[in-house]
């Protein structure tokens, strides 16, 4: 069997053709009425199927937005993470840490579409060259489940919270995820005011909605 492709505007044209009693009024011969009726039924079904298929083709899978909060707790300024981040550790250095093991983002059909794991948030307040400053480091691995973004991925947004209030929203970022079905390490850093750092007790993480192409 061969698939039939409908020319553009074909179904619209069919809907304007004379049918039923109108066809009788304009002089269609009785001998052709049965043939015309059968043809009309076929064309009606064909056009309905064609429109349904076109509608299905225009449906693009989408990742729904997903949010979470990670508690930040005071931590000691030591360990491998301090060395890896290049933190100048002093007696006055203050550290806050939070971690979330797994975080899933779902497609609109309810299946997992993107996975984040080992989300680590490290807040550092320390002095460098005699100037005190605060930074927030965000690290995680991300995995795309058999899909790729239609364009550059929409990434994630984040904010620092304190006492249930939003203290500051951090700049949004796209994630480094050049291919599907593979894990990729991501790392970001944000400068924040020291007074915001002092009050922060939670980190809000929002995986943004995204349109994707399934593989």
N, C-alpha and C. Protein backbone atom coordinates (compact mmCIF):
# COMPACT_ATOMS: atom_id res chain seq x y z
N UNK A 1 0.85 -1.18 0.00
CA UNK A 1 0.00 0.00 0.00
C UNK A 1 0.89 1.23 0.00
N UNK A 2 0.44 2.26 -0.70
CA UNK A 2 1.18 3.51 -0.76
C UNK A 2 0.43 4.57 0.02
N UNK A 3 1.18 5.37 0.79
CA UNK A 3 0.54 6.46 1.52
C UNK A 3 0.13 7.55 0.53
N UNK A 4 -0.97 8.20 0.83
CA UNK A 4 -1.49 9.26 -0.05
C UNK A 4 -1.21 10.59 0.60
N UNK A 5 -0.57 11.48 -0.12
CA UNK A 5 -0.28 12.82 0.38
C UNK A 5 -1.32 13.80 -0.14
N UNK A 6 -1.91 14.54 0.74
CA UNK A 6 -2.92 15.50 0.32
C UNK A 6 -2.26 16.80 -0.10
N UNK A 7 -2.58 17.30 -1.30
CA UNK A 7 -2.04 18.59 -1.70
C UNK A 7 -2.53 19.67 -0.76
N UNK A 8 -1.74 20.75 -0.63
CA UNK A 8 -2.14 21.85 0.23
C UNK A 8 -3.48 22.41 -0.22
N UNK A 9 -4.39 22.61 0.71
CA UNK A 9 -5.69 23.16 0.41
C UNK A 9 -6.69 22.17 -0.13
N UNK A 10 -6.28 20.89 -0.30
CA UNK A 10 -7.16 19.90 -0.91
C UNK A 10 -8.44 19.71 -0.11
N UNK A 11 -8.28 19.52 1.22
CA UNK A 11 -9.46 19.24 2.05
C UNK A 11 -10.38 20.45 2.13
N UNK A 12 -9.80 21.63 2.11
CA UNK A 12 -10.64 22.83 2.07
C UNK A 12 -11.45 22.88 0.79
N UNK A 13 -10.80 22.53 -0.33
CA UNK A 13 -11.50 22.51 -1.61
C UNK A 13 -12.61 21.48 -1.60
N UNK A 14 -12.37 20.28 -1.03
CA UNK A 14 -13.37 19.23 -0.99
C UNK A 14 -14.61 19.70 -0.24
N UNK A 15 -14.41 20.46 0.84
CA UNK A 15 -15.56 20.88 1.65
C UNK A 15 -16.46 21.84 0.89
N UNK A 16 -15.96 22.43 -0.23
CA UNK A 16 -16.78 23.35 -1.00
C UNK A 16 -17.50 22.69 -2.16
N UNK A 17 -17.21 21.41 -2.43
CA UNK A 17 -17.85 20.73 -3.54
C UNK A 17 -19.32 20.48 -3.24
N UNK A 18 -20.21 20.53 -4.25
CA UNK A 18 -21.64 20.31 -4.04
C UNK A 18 -21.91 18.87 -3.64
N UNK A 19 -22.75 18.69 -2.59
CA UNK A 19 -23.10 17.38 -2.11
C UNK A 19 -24.59 17.33 -1.81
N UNK A 20 -25.14 16.10 -1.74
CA UNK A 20 -26.54 15.92 -1.34
C UNK A 20 -27.51 16.62 -2.28
N UNK A 21 -28.54 17.26 -1.71
CA UNK A 21 -29.59 17.90 -2.50
C UNK A 21 -29.06 19.07 -3.33
N UNK A 22 -28.02 19.69 -2.83
CA UNK A 22 -27.46 20.79 -3.62
C UNK A 22 -26.91 20.26 -4.93
N UNK A 23 -26.32 19.06 -4.89
CA UNK A 23 -25.81 18.44 -6.11
C UNK A 23 -26.96 18.14 -7.07
N UNK A 24 -28.11 17.72 -6.51
CA UNK A 24 -29.25 17.45 -7.38
C UNK A 24 -29.74 18.73 -8.05
N UNK A 25 -29.75 19.82 -7.26
CA UNK A 25 -30.29 21.06 -7.81
C UNK A 25 -29.44 21.59 -8.96
N UNK A 26 -28.13 21.31 -8.91
CA UNK A 26 -27.31 21.86 -9.99
C UNK A 26 -27.15 20.86 -11.14
N UNK A 27 -27.89 19.70 -11.10
CA UNK A 27 -27.99 18.86 -12.27
C UNK A 27 -27.08 17.67 -12.35
N UNK A 28 -26.63 17.11 -11.21
CA UNK A 28 -25.84 15.88 -11.28
C UNK A 28 -26.77 14.74 -11.64
N UNK A 29 -26.41 13.95 -12.63
CA UNK A 29 -27.25 12.88 -13.12
C UNK A 29 -27.44 11.80 -12.05
N UNK A 30 -28.69 11.19 -11.95
CA UNK A 30 -28.95 10.15 -10.93
C UNK A 30 -27.99 8.97 -11.02
N UNK A 31 -27.56 8.61 -12.24
CA UNK A 31 -26.68 7.45 -12.40
C UNK A 31 -25.36 7.61 -11.66
N UNK A 32 -24.99 8.85 -11.41
CA UNK A 32 -23.70 9.11 -10.78
C UNK A 32 -23.82 9.35 -9.28
N UNK A 33 -25.08 9.34 -8.76
CA UNK A 33 -25.26 9.72 -7.36
C UNK A 33 -24.62 8.73 -6.40
N UNK A 34 -24.78 7.41 -6.65
CA UNK A 34 -24.21 6.41 -5.77
C UNK A 34 -22.68 6.51 -5.77
N UNK A 35 -22.13 6.64 -6.98
CA UNK A 35 -20.68 6.77 -7.10
C UNK A 35 -20.19 8.02 -6.36
N UNK A 36 -20.92 9.11 -6.52
CA UNK A 36 -20.53 10.36 -5.87
C UNK A 36 -20.62 10.23 -4.36
N UNK A 37 -21.64 9.52 -3.86
CA UNK A 37 -21.81 9.35 -2.42
C UNK A 37 -20.66 8.56 -1.83
N UNK A 38 -20.28 7.44 -2.53
CA UNK A 38 -19.17 6.64 -2.05
C UNK A 38 -17.87 7.42 -2.05
N UNK A 39 -17.70 8.21 -3.08
CA UNK A 39 -16.49 9.02 -3.18
C UNK A 39 -16.44 10.08 -2.08
N UNK A 40 -17.61 10.62 -1.77
CA UNK A 40 -17.68 11.65 -0.72
C UNK A 40 -17.30 11.06 0.63
N UNK A 41 -17.77 9.82 0.90
CA UNK A 41 -17.44 9.17 2.17
C UNK A 41 -15.93 8.94 2.26
N UNK A 42 -15.34 8.45 1.17
CA UNK A 42 -13.89 8.21 1.16
C UNK A 42 -13.11 9.50 1.40
N UNK A 43 -13.48 10.54 0.66
CA UNK A 43 -12.77 11.81 0.78
C UNK A 43 -12.94 12.41 2.17
N UNK A 44 -14.13 12.27 2.74
CA UNK A 44 -14.38 12.80 4.08
C UNK A 44 -13.47 12.12 5.10
N UNK A 45 -13.39 10.78 5.01
CA UNK A 45 -12.53 10.05 5.94
C UNK A 45 -11.06 10.38 5.72
N UNK A 46 -10.68 10.48 4.44
CA UNK A 46 -9.29 10.80 4.10
C UNK A 46 -8.88 12.14 4.67
N UNK A 47 -9.75 13.14 4.49
CA UNK A 47 -9.42 14.49 4.96
C UNK A 47 -9.35 14.54 6.48
N UNK A 48 -10.29 13.81 7.14
CA UNK A 48 -10.28 13.81 8.60
C UNK A 48 -8.98 13.18 9.11
N UNK A 49 -8.55 12.08 8.49
CA UNK A 49 -7.30 11.43 8.89
C UNK A 49 -6.11 12.33 8.63
N UNK A 50 -6.12 13.01 7.49
CA UNK A 50 -5.03 13.90 7.13
C UNK A 50 -4.89 15.03 8.15
N UNK A 51 -6.01 15.63 8.54
CA UNK A 51 -5.98 16.71 9.51
C UNK A 51 -5.49 16.20 10.86
N UNK A 52 -5.96 15.00 11.28
CA UNK A 52 -5.52 14.43 12.55
C UNK A 52 -4.02 14.19 12.54
N UNK A 53 -3.49 13.66 11.42
CA UNK A 53 -2.05 13.40 11.33
C UNK A 53 -1.25 14.68 11.39
N UNK A 54 -1.76 15.72 10.70
CA UNK A 54 -1.07 17.00 10.73
C UNK A 54 -1.04 17.56 12.14
N UNK A 55 -2.14 17.40 12.87
CA UNK A 55 -2.20 17.89 14.24
C UNK A 55 -1.19 17.16 15.11
N UNK A 56 -1.07 15.82 14.95
CA UNK A 56 -0.13 15.04 15.74
C UNK A 56 1.31 15.45 15.46
N UNK A 57 1.59 15.76 14.17
CA UNK A 57 2.95 16.14 13.81
C UNK A 57 3.35 17.47 14.43
N UNK A 58 2.36 18.33 14.70
CA UNK A 58 2.64 19.64 15.25
C UNK A 58 2.79 19.63 16.77
N UNK A 59 2.50 18.49 17.42
CA UNK A 59 2.65 18.39 18.86
C UNK A 59 4.11 18.15 19.20
N UNK A 60 4.70 19.07 19.96
CA UNK A 60 6.11 18.97 20.32
C UNK A 60 6.22 18.56 21.79
N UNK A 61 6.97 17.50 22.09
CA UNK A 61 7.14 17.11 23.50
C UNK A 61 7.76 18.25 24.30
N UNK A 62 7.35 18.38 25.54
CA UNK A 62 7.85 19.48 26.37
C UNK A 62 8.20 18.98 27.76
N UNK A 63 9.27 19.53 28.30
CA UNK A 63 9.64 19.29 29.68
C UNK A 63 8.92 20.31 30.55
N UNK A 64 8.25 19.85 31.58
CA UNK A 64 7.56 20.76 32.48
C UNK A 64 8.54 21.36 33.49
N UNK A 65 8.28 22.59 33.90
CA UNK A 65 9.13 23.22 34.91
C UNK A 65 9.05 22.45 36.22
N UNK A 66 10.18 22.33 36.89
CA UNK A 66 10.23 21.60 38.17
C UNK A 66 11.10 22.40 39.13
N UNK A 67 10.63 22.58 40.35
CA UNK A 67 11.36 23.38 41.32
C UNK A 67 11.61 22.58 42.60
N UNK A 68 12.63 22.99 43.32
CA UNK A 68 12.94 22.37 44.61
C UNK A 68 13.73 23.36 45.45
N UNK A 69 13.89 23.05 46.72
CA UNK A 69 14.69 23.86 47.62
C UNK A 69 15.70 22.97 48.33
N UNK A 70 16.90 23.50 48.51
CA UNK A 70 17.98 22.77 49.17
C UNK A 70 18.40 23.56 50.41
N UNK A 71 18.36 22.91 51.55
CA UNK A 71 18.73 23.59 52.79
C UNK A 71 20.24 23.82 52.83
N UNK A 72 20.61 25.01 53.29
CA UNK A 72 22.03 25.36 53.45
C UNK A 72 22.39 25.33 54.93
N UNK A 73 23.44 24.58 55.23
CA UNK A 73 23.88 24.46 56.62
C UNK A 73 25.33 24.90 56.76
N UNK A 74 25.67 25.41 57.94
CA UNK A 74 27.04 25.81 58.20
C UNK A 74 27.96 24.59 58.11
N UNK A 75 29.12 24.79 57.51
CA UNK A 75 30.09 23.70 57.34
C UNK A 75 31.48 24.21 57.66
N UNK A 76 32.41 23.28 57.89
CA UNK A 76 33.78 23.65 58.19
C UNK A 76 34.53 23.96 56.90
N UNK A 77 35.39 24.98 56.93
CA UNK A 77 36.14 25.37 55.72
C UNK A 77 37.35 24.47 55.48
N UNK A 78 37.08 23.20 55.21
CA UNK A 78 38.18 22.28 54.94
C UNK A 78 37.68 21.18 54.02
N UNK A 79 38.60 20.38 53.55
CA UNK A 79 38.23 19.27 52.69
C UNK A 79 38.62 19.51 51.24
N UNK A 80 38.41 18.46 50.44
CA UNK A 80 38.79 18.49 49.03
C UNK A 80 38.04 19.54 48.25
N UNK A 81 36.78 19.78 48.60
CA UNK A 81 35.99 20.76 47.85
C UNK A 81 36.59 22.15 47.94
N UNK A 82 37.14 22.50 49.10
CA UNK A 82 37.77 23.82 49.24
C UNK A 82 38.99 23.93 48.32
N UNK A 83 39.75 22.86 48.24
CA UNK A 83 40.94 22.85 47.38
C UNK A 83 40.54 22.93 45.91
N UNK A 84 39.53 22.13 45.52
CA UNK A 84 39.10 22.11 44.12
C UNK A 84 38.54 23.46 43.68
N UNK A 85 37.88 24.16 44.58
CA UNK A 85 37.31 25.47 44.25
C UNK A 85 38.32 26.60 44.39
N UNK A 86 39.50 26.29 44.91
CA UNK A 86 40.55 27.31 45.04
C UNK A 86 40.26 28.35 46.09
N UNK A 87 39.53 27.96 47.14
CA UNK A 87 39.11 28.92 48.17
C UNK A 87 40.31 29.33 49.03
N UNK A 88 40.54 30.64 49.19
CA UNK A 88 41.57 31.09 50.14
C UNK A 88 41.02 30.95 51.56
N UNK A 89 41.40 29.88 52.24
CA UNK A 89 40.86 29.58 53.56
C UNK A 89 41.61 30.36 54.64
N UNK A 90 40.85 31.15 55.38
CA UNK A 90 41.39 31.95 56.49
C UNK A 90 40.61 31.61 57.76
N UNK A 91 41.04 32.15 58.86
CA UNK A 91 40.31 31.93 60.11
C UNK A 91 38.91 32.51 60.04
N UNK A 92 38.74 33.55 59.24
CA UNK A 92 37.44 34.23 59.14
C UNK A 92 36.53 33.63 58.07
N UNK A 93 37.00 32.63 57.32
CA UNK A 93 36.22 32.04 56.22
C UNK A 93 34.97 31.36 56.76
N UNK A 94 33.84 31.64 56.12
CA UNK A 94 32.56 31.04 56.50
C UNK A 94 32.06 30.20 55.31
N UNK A 95 31.57 28.99 55.62
CA UNK A 95 31.11 28.07 54.57
C UNK A 95 29.70 27.59 54.88
N UNK A 96 28.85 27.54 53.84
CA UNK A 96 27.52 26.94 53.94
C UNK A 96 27.39 25.93 52.81
N UNK A 97 26.80 24.77 53.14
CA UNK A 97 26.68 23.73 52.13
C UNK A 97 25.27 23.12 52.12
N UNK A 98 24.87 22.68 50.93
CA UNK A 98 23.62 21.94 50.77
C UNK A 98 23.76 20.95 49.64
N UNK A 99 22.98 19.87 49.70
CA UNK A 99 23.12 18.84 48.67
C UNK A 99 21.78 18.15 48.43
N UNK A 100 21.51 17.82 47.16
CA UNK A 100 20.34 17.04 46.77
C UNK A 100 20.82 15.92 45.86
N UNK A 101 20.50 14.68 46.24
CA UNK A 101 21.05 13.53 45.52
C UNK A 101 20.46 13.38 44.12
N UNK A 102 19.12 13.46 43.99
CA UNK A 102 18.47 13.27 42.69
C UNK A 102 17.35 14.28 42.49
N UNK A 103 17.17 14.65 41.25
CA UNK A 103 16.11 15.61 40.90
C UNK A 103 15.70 15.32 39.47
N UNK A 104 14.42 14.94 39.26
CA UNK A 104 13.94 14.56 37.94
C UNK A 104 13.03 15.65 37.37
N UNK A 105 13.18 15.88 36.06
CA UNK A 105 12.28 16.77 35.32
C UNK A 105 11.48 15.91 34.36
N UNK A 106 10.15 16.12 34.33
CA UNK A 106 9.27 15.22 33.60
C UNK A 106 8.77 15.84 32.30
N UNK A 107 8.55 14.96 31.30
CA UNK A 107 7.88 15.35 30.07
C UNK A 107 6.40 15.52 30.34
N UNK A 108 5.67 16.13 29.40
CA UNK A 108 4.25 16.38 29.62
C UNK A 108 3.42 15.10 29.61
N UNK A 109 4.02 13.96 29.22
CA UNK A 109 3.29 12.69 29.30
C UNK A 109 3.58 11.95 30.61
N UNK A 110 4.35 12.58 31.50
CA UNK A 110 4.60 11.99 32.81
C UNK A 110 5.87 11.17 32.92
N UNK A 111 6.59 10.96 31.82
CA UNK A 111 7.83 10.19 31.87
C UNK A 111 9.01 11.12 32.17
N UNK A 112 10.07 10.53 32.71
CA UNK A 112 11.26 11.32 33.03
C UNK A 112 11.94 11.77 31.74
N UNK A 113 12.23 13.05 31.63
CA UNK A 113 12.85 13.56 30.41
C UNK A 113 14.24 14.12 30.62
N UNK A 114 14.56 14.50 31.86
CA UNK A 114 15.90 15.03 32.17
C UNK A 114 16.19 14.75 33.64
N UNK A 115 17.42 14.34 33.89
CA UNK A 115 17.80 13.96 35.25
C UNK A 115 18.96 14.83 35.74
N UNK A 116 18.83 15.31 36.96
CA UNK A 116 19.92 16.00 37.64
C UNK A 116 20.31 15.14 38.84
N UNK A 117 21.59 15.01 39.09
CA UNK A 117 22.01 14.26 40.27
C UNK A 117 23.19 14.94 40.94
N UNK A 118 23.31 14.65 42.25
CA UNK A 118 24.42 15.17 43.04
C UNK A 118 24.52 16.69 42.93
N UNK A 119 23.41 17.37 43.15
CA UNK A 119 23.40 18.84 43.14
C UNK A 119 24.06 19.34 44.42
N UNK A 120 25.19 20.00 44.28
CA UNK A 120 25.93 20.52 45.44
C UNK A 120 25.94 22.03 45.40
N UNK A 121 25.57 22.63 46.50
CA UNK A 121 25.58 24.09 46.63
C UNK A 121 26.58 24.44 47.74
N UNK A 122 27.57 25.25 47.40
CA UNK A 122 28.59 25.65 48.38
C UNK A 122 28.67 27.16 48.42
N UNK A 123 28.38 27.72 49.59
CA UNK A 123 28.50 29.16 49.79
C UNK A 123 29.78 29.48 50.53
N UNK A 124 30.53 30.45 50.04
CA UNK A 124 31.81 30.82 50.64
C UNK A 124 31.83 32.32 50.90
N UNK A 125 32.18 32.68 52.13
CA UNK A 125 32.48 34.09 52.44
C UNK A 125 33.89 34.13 52.99
N UNK A 126 34.77 34.80 52.29
CA UNK A 126 36.16 34.87 52.69
C UNK A 126 36.79 36.15 52.17
N UNK A 127 38.02 36.39 52.56
CA UNK A 127 38.72 37.60 52.12
C UNK A 127 39.82 37.23 51.13
N UNK A 128 39.98 38.08 50.16
CA UNK A 128 41.04 37.90 49.17
C UNK A 128 41.64 39.27 48.89
N UNK A 129 42.92 39.40 49.17
CA UNK A 129 43.56 40.70 49.00
C UNK A 129 42.98 41.75 49.93
N UNK A 130 42.53 41.30 51.10
CA UNK A 130 42.00 42.25 52.08
C UNK A 130 40.56 42.66 51.84
N UNK A 131 39.91 42.11 50.81
CA UNK A 131 38.52 42.46 50.50
C UNK A 131 37.63 41.24 50.75
N UNK A 132 36.63 41.42 51.61
CA UNK A 132 35.71 40.31 51.91
C UNK A 132 34.63 40.23 50.83
N UNK A 133 34.33 39.02 50.40
CA UNK A 133 33.32 38.81 49.36
C UNK A 133 32.68 37.44 49.56
N UNK A 134 31.50 37.27 48.96
CA UNK A 134 30.77 36.00 49.08
C UNK A 134 30.45 35.47 47.69
N UNK A 135 30.54 34.15 47.57
CA UNK A 135 30.23 33.48 46.30
C UNK A 135 29.40 32.24 46.58
N UNK A 136 28.55 31.89 45.60
CA UNK A 136 27.77 30.66 45.65
C UNK A 136 28.20 29.79 44.48
N UNK A 137 28.67 28.57 44.78
CA UNK A 137 29.05 27.60 43.75
C UNK A 137 27.94 26.56 43.63
N UNK A 138 27.55 26.25 42.39
CA UNK A 138 26.52 25.24 42.13
C UNK A 138 27.13 24.21 41.18
N UNK A 139 27.10 22.94 41.59
CA UNK A 139 27.67 21.86 40.79
C UNK A 139 26.67 20.71 40.71
N UNK A 140 26.58 20.10 39.55
CA UNK A 140 25.70 18.93 39.39
C UNK A 140 26.05 18.20 38.10
N UNK A 141 25.48 16.98 37.96
CA UNK A 141 25.53 16.25 36.70
C UNK A 141 24.13 16.24 36.11
N UNK A 142 24.06 16.32 34.79
CA UNK A 142 22.76 16.33 34.11
C UNK A 142 22.76 15.29 33.00
N UNK A 143 21.58 14.68 32.79
CA UNK A 143 21.43 13.59 31.82
C UNK A 143 20.13 13.79 31.06
N UNK A 144 20.20 13.79 29.71
CA UNK A 144 19.01 13.88 28.88
C UNK A 144 18.54 12.50 28.48
N UNK A 145 17.28 12.16 28.79
CA UNK A 145 16.75 10.81 28.52
C UNK A 145 16.19 10.70 27.10
N UNK A 146 16.99 10.26 26.16
CA UNK A 146 16.52 10.01 24.79
C UNK A 146 15.79 11.20 24.17
N UNK A 147 16.27 12.40 24.45
CA UNK A 147 15.70 13.59 23.82
C UNK A 147 16.76 14.69 23.79
N UNK A 148 16.57 15.62 22.87
CA UNK A 148 17.47 16.77 22.77
C UNK A 148 16.63 18.03 22.64
N UNK A 149 17.08 19.15 23.17
CA UNK A 149 16.33 20.40 23.05
C UNK A 149 16.20 20.81 21.59
N UNK A 150 15.07 21.45 21.25
CA UNK A 150 14.88 21.94 19.89
C UNK A 150 15.86 23.05 19.57
N UNK A 151 16.17 23.86 20.58
CA UNK A 151 17.16 24.92 20.43
C UNK A 151 18.10 24.80 21.63
N UNK A 152 18.85 25.87 21.92
CA UNK A 152 19.65 25.83 23.13
C UNK A 152 18.76 25.60 24.33
N UNK A 153 19.14 24.67 25.21
CA UNK A 153 18.25 24.32 26.32
C UNK A 153 17.98 25.52 27.21
N UNK A 154 16.82 25.52 27.85
CA UNK A 154 16.39 26.66 28.68
C UNK A 154 17.05 26.67 30.04
N UNK A 155 17.72 25.55 30.40
CA UNK A 155 18.54 25.56 31.60
C UNK A 155 17.77 25.65 32.90
N UNK A 156 18.29 26.45 33.82
CA UNK A 156 17.70 26.53 35.15
C UNK A 156 17.81 27.94 35.71
N UNK A 157 16.94 28.21 36.68
CA UNK A 157 17.00 29.45 37.43
C UNK A 157 17.21 29.12 38.89
N UNK A 158 17.68 30.07 39.68
CA UNK A 158 17.94 29.80 41.09
C UNK A 158 17.84 31.08 41.90
N UNK A 159 17.76 30.91 43.21
CA UNK A 159 17.64 32.05 44.12
C UNK A 159 18.11 31.64 45.50
N UNK A 160 18.50 32.63 46.29
CA UNK A 160 18.82 32.40 47.69
C UNK A 160 17.64 32.84 48.54
N UNK A 161 17.28 31.99 49.49
CA UNK A 161 16.15 32.26 50.36
C UNK A 161 16.63 32.39 51.81
N UNK A 162 15.89 33.18 52.58
CA UNK A 162 16.20 33.31 53.99
C UNK A 162 14.93 33.56 54.78
N UNK A 163 14.64 32.70 55.74
CA UNK A 163 13.43 32.86 56.53
C UNK A 163 12.16 32.81 55.71
N UNK A 164 12.19 32.07 54.59
CA UNK A 164 11.01 31.96 53.72
C UNK A 164 10.90 33.07 52.70
N UNK A 165 11.78 34.05 52.73
CA UNK A 165 11.76 35.16 51.77
C UNK A 165 12.83 34.97 50.69
N UNK A 166 12.55 35.49 49.51
CA UNK A 166 13.56 35.49 48.45
C UNK A 166 14.51 36.64 48.69
N UNK A 167 15.76 36.33 48.96
CA UNK A 167 16.75 37.36 49.23
C UNK A 167 17.32 37.95 47.94
N UNK A 168 17.59 37.06 46.98
CA UNK A 168 18.09 37.51 45.68
C UNK A 168 17.91 36.40 44.65
N UNK A 169 17.55 36.78 43.44
CA UNK A 169 17.49 35.83 42.34
C UNK A 169 18.83 35.83 41.63
N UNK A 170 19.32 34.66 41.32
CA UNK A 170 20.61 34.52 40.65
C UNK A 170 20.40 34.44 39.14
N UNK A 171 21.39 34.84 38.35
CA UNK A 171 21.23 34.81 36.89
C UNK A 171 20.92 33.41 36.37
N UNK A 172 20.01 33.33 35.40
CA UNK A 172 19.66 32.04 34.79
C UNK A 172 20.81 31.55 33.91
N UNK A 173 20.90 30.23 33.77
CA UNK A 173 21.96 29.63 32.96
C UNK A 173 21.41 28.47 32.14
N UNK A 174 21.98 28.28 30.95
CA UNK A 174 21.75 27.03 30.23
C UNK A 174 22.70 25.98 30.80
N UNK A 175 22.37 24.71 30.62
CA UNK A 175 23.24 23.66 31.12
C UNK A 175 24.10 23.11 29.99
N UNK A 176 25.25 22.59 30.36
CA UNK A 176 26.15 21.97 29.38
C UNK A 176 25.68 20.54 29.19
N UNK A 177 25.06 20.28 28.04
CA UNK A 177 24.49 18.96 27.74
C UNK A 177 24.46 18.80 26.23
N UNK A 178 25.62 18.61 25.58
CA UNK A 178 25.69 18.60 24.12
C UNK A 178 25.02 17.41 23.46
N UNK A 179 24.83 16.30 24.19
CA UNK A 179 24.23 15.10 23.62
C UNK A 179 23.24 14.47 24.59
N UNK A 180 22.35 13.65 24.04
CA UNK A 180 21.41 12.90 24.87
C UNK A 180 22.07 11.63 25.40
N UNK A 181 21.41 11.02 26.39
CA UNK A 181 21.80 9.70 26.91
C UNK A 181 23.24 9.66 27.41
N UNK A 182 23.69 10.75 28.04
CA UNK A 182 25.03 10.78 28.62
C UNK A 182 25.03 11.79 29.77
N UNK A 183 25.86 11.53 30.78
CA UNK A 183 25.98 12.43 31.92
C UNK A 183 27.03 13.50 31.64
N UNK A 184 26.72 14.74 32.04
CA UNK A 184 27.66 15.84 31.87
C UNK A 184 27.77 16.64 33.16
N UNK A 185 29.00 16.94 33.54
CA UNK A 185 29.28 17.72 34.74
C UNK A 185 29.06 19.21 34.44
N UNK A 186 28.41 19.91 35.37
CA UNK A 186 28.18 21.34 35.23
C UNK A 186 28.64 22.06 36.50
N UNK A 187 29.15 23.27 36.31
CA UNK A 187 29.59 24.07 37.46
C UNK A 187 29.37 25.55 37.18
N UNK A 188 28.81 26.25 38.16
CA UNK A 188 28.49 27.67 38.02
C UNK A 188 28.88 28.39 39.31
N UNK A 189 29.16 29.67 39.19
CA UNK A 189 29.50 30.46 40.38
C UNK A 189 28.83 31.83 40.28
N UNK A 190 28.36 32.33 41.42
CA UNK A 190 27.65 33.61 41.48
C UNK A 190 28.24 34.45 42.62
N UNK A 191 28.43 35.72 42.34
CA UNK A 191 28.80 36.67 43.39
C UNK A 191 27.53 37.18 44.05
N UNK A 192 27.51 37.21 45.39
CA UNK A 192 26.34 37.70 46.12
C UNK A 192 26.81 38.65 47.21
N UNK A 193 25.96 39.59 47.60
CA UNK A 193 26.33 40.49 48.71
C UNK A 193 26.55 39.69 50.00
N UNK A 194 27.49 40.11 50.82
CA UNK A 194 27.79 39.38 52.05
C UNK A 194 26.60 39.36 53.00
N UNK A 195 25.80 40.42 53.01
CA UNK A 195 24.63 40.44 53.90
C UNK A 195 23.57 39.44 53.45
N UNK A 196 23.48 39.20 52.14
CA UNK A 196 22.57 38.17 51.62
C UNK A 196 23.09 36.79 52.00
N UNK A 197 24.39 36.59 51.85
CA UNK A 197 25.00 35.32 52.24
C UNK A 197 24.72 35.00 53.70
N UNK A 198 24.86 36.00 54.57
CA UNK A 198 24.67 35.78 56.00
C UNK A 198 23.26 35.31 56.33
N UNK A 199 22.27 35.80 55.61
CA UNK A 199 20.87 35.47 55.89
C UNK A 199 20.38 34.21 55.17
N UNK A 200 21.10 33.76 54.16
CA UNK A 200 20.63 32.65 53.32
C UNK A 200 20.60 31.34 54.11
N UNK A 201 19.45 30.64 54.02
CA UNK A 201 19.34 29.32 54.65
C UNK A 201 18.82 28.25 53.68
N UNK A 202 18.41 28.66 52.48
CA UNK A 202 17.96 27.70 51.45
C UNK A 202 18.38 28.21 50.07
N UNK A 203 18.56 27.25 49.18
CA UNK A 203 18.85 27.54 47.77
C UNK A 203 17.70 27.00 46.95
N UNK A 204 17.05 27.86 46.18
CA UNK A 204 15.93 27.44 45.30
C UNK A 204 16.48 27.12 43.92
N UNK A 205 16.08 25.96 43.41
CA UNK A 205 16.54 25.50 42.09
C UNK A 205 15.32 25.20 41.24
N UNK A 206 15.27 25.78 40.03
CA UNK A 206 14.13 25.59 39.12
C UNK A 206 14.64 25.14 37.76
N UNK A 207 14.34 23.90 37.38
CA UNK A 207 14.64 23.43 36.03
C UNK A 207 13.56 23.97 35.11
N UNK A 208 13.93 24.81 34.17
CA UNK A 208 12.96 25.52 33.34
C UNK A 208 12.29 24.61 32.32
N UNK A 209 11.07 25.00 31.93
CA UNK A 209 10.35 24.27 30.88
C UNK A 209 11.15 24.33 29.59
N UNK A 210 11.05 23.27 28.79
CA UNK A 210 11.87 23.18 27.58
C UNK A 210 11.15 22.34 26.53
N UNK A 211 11.24 22.74 25.26
CA UNK A 211 10.72 21.92 24.18
C UNK A 211 11.84 21.03 23.66
N UNK A 212 11.52 19.76 23.43
CA UNK A 212 12.56 18.80 23.05
C UNK A 212 12.11 17.96 21.86
N UNK A 213 13.09 17.29 21.28
CA UNK A 213 12.83 16.34 20.19
C UNK A 213 13.25 14.96 20.69
N UNK A 214 12.30 14.01 20.66
CA UNK A 214 12.60 12.67 21.14
C UNK A 214 13.42 11.90 20.09
N UNK A 215 14.25 10.99 20.55
CA UNK A 215 15.12 10.22 19.66
C UNK A 215 14.60 8.81 19.48
